[in-house]
Amino acid sequence: MSNLTITYVVGVACAVIALVAFAALVLVPAVSSYRRPLHRAAAVVLSFYVLAAFIGVGVLLGALVILEWPRVF
């Protein structure tokens, strides 16, 4: 197995673990706290909005690290 394949496997495993943690720690409590289907749907949509915001912040910070790495080190 090449180094690139190992990197991809580790990246996919981390993504799966993060999605399972998001579902268990954010999505399930948000959905289970409401009874009406419309409120549950709104909780799911807003939870995914928060997930997208966290992903966006992570991508921006990662890009910043990649761009500034040569200047710092």
Protein backbone atom coordinates (compact mmCIF):
# COMPACT_ATOMS: atom_id res chain seq x y z
CA MET A 1 0.00 0.00 0.00
CA SER A 2 1.42 3.37 -1.00
CA ASN A 3 1.73 6.41 1.24
CA LEU A 4 -0.95 8.21 -0.76
CA THR A 5 -3.41 5.35 -0.25
CA ILE A 6 -2.73 5.35 3.48
CA THR A 7 -3.35 9.10 3.56
CA TYR A 8 -6.69 8.67 1.78
CA VAL A 9 -7.75 5.84 4.09
CA VAL A 10 -6.90 7.89 7.18
CA GLY A 11 -8.72 10.94 5.76
CA VAL A 12 -11.87 8.94 4.99
CA ALA A 13 -11.77 7.29 8.42
CA CYS A 14 -11.48 10.69 10.12
CA ALA A 15 -14.40 12.03 8.06
CA VAL A 16 -16.58 9.05 8.97
CA ILE A 17 -15.72 9.38 12.66
CA ALA A 18 -16.49 13.11 12.56
CA LEU A 19 -19.87 12.54 10.88
CA VAL A 20 -20.81 9.84 13.38
CA ALA A 21 -19.83 12.14 16.25
CA PHE A 22 -21.85 14.98 14.72
CA ALA A 23 -24.89 12.75 14.36
CA ALA A 24 -24.59 11.36 17.88
CA LEU A 25 -23.74 14.60 19.68
CA VAL A 26 -25.67 17.24 17.72
CA LEU A 27 -28.25 15.80 15.35
CA VAL A 28 -29.89 13.17 17.58
CA PRO A 29 -30.41 15.50 20.58
CA ALA A 30 -31.71 18.28 18.31
CA VAL A 31 -34.24 16.01 16.63
CA SER A 32 -35.32 14.21 19.79
CA SER A 33 -36.05 17.46 21.63
CA TYR A 34 -39.00 18.30 19.35
CA ARG A 35 -42.24 16.43 18.70
CA ARG A 36 -43.68 18.07 15.61
CA PRO A 37 -42.26 16.95 12.26
CA LEU A 38 -41.81 20.52 11.03
CA HIS A 39 -39.77 21.43 14.11
CA ARG A 40 -37.67 18.30 13.70
CA ALA A 41 -37.02 19.13 10.06
CA ALA A 42 -36.00 22.66 11.02
CA ALA A 43 -33.61 21.25 13.65
CA VAL A 44 -32.01 19.00 11.04
CA VAL A 45 -31.62 21.87 8.56
CA LEU A 46 -30.11 24.17 11.16
CA SER A 47 -27.79 21.41 12.40
CA PHE A 48 -26.49 20.88 8.88
CA TYR A 49 -26.08 24.65 8.55
CA VAL A 50 -23.85 24.60 11.63
CA LEU A 51 -21.92 21.63 10.22
CA ALA A 52 -21.36 23.50 6.95
CA ALA A 53 -20.13 26.55 8.87
CA PHE A 54 -17.65 24.42 10.83
CA ILE A 55 -16.42 22.79 7.63
CA GLY A 56 -16.00 26.22 6.03
CA VAL A 57 -13.99 27.52 8.96
CA GLY A 58 -11.83 24.40 8.86
CA VAL A 59 -11.16 24.79 5.15
CA LEU A 60 -10.25 28.46 5.59
CA LEU A 61 -7.90 27.72 8.48
CA GLY A 62 -6.33 24.87 6.54
CA ALA A 63 -5.77 27.12 3.53
CA LEU A 64 -4.25 29.76 5.79
CA VAL A 65 -1.83 27.23 7.26
CA ILE A 66 -0.86 25.99 3.80
CA LEU A 67 -0.28 29.50 2.47
CA GLU A 68 1.62 30.83 5.50
CA TRP A 69 3.69 27.71 6.29
CA PRO A 70 6.74 28.63 4.17
CA ARG A 71 6.88 32.15 5.63
CA VAL A 72 6.72 30.97 9.25
CA PHE A 73 9.10 28.04 8.93
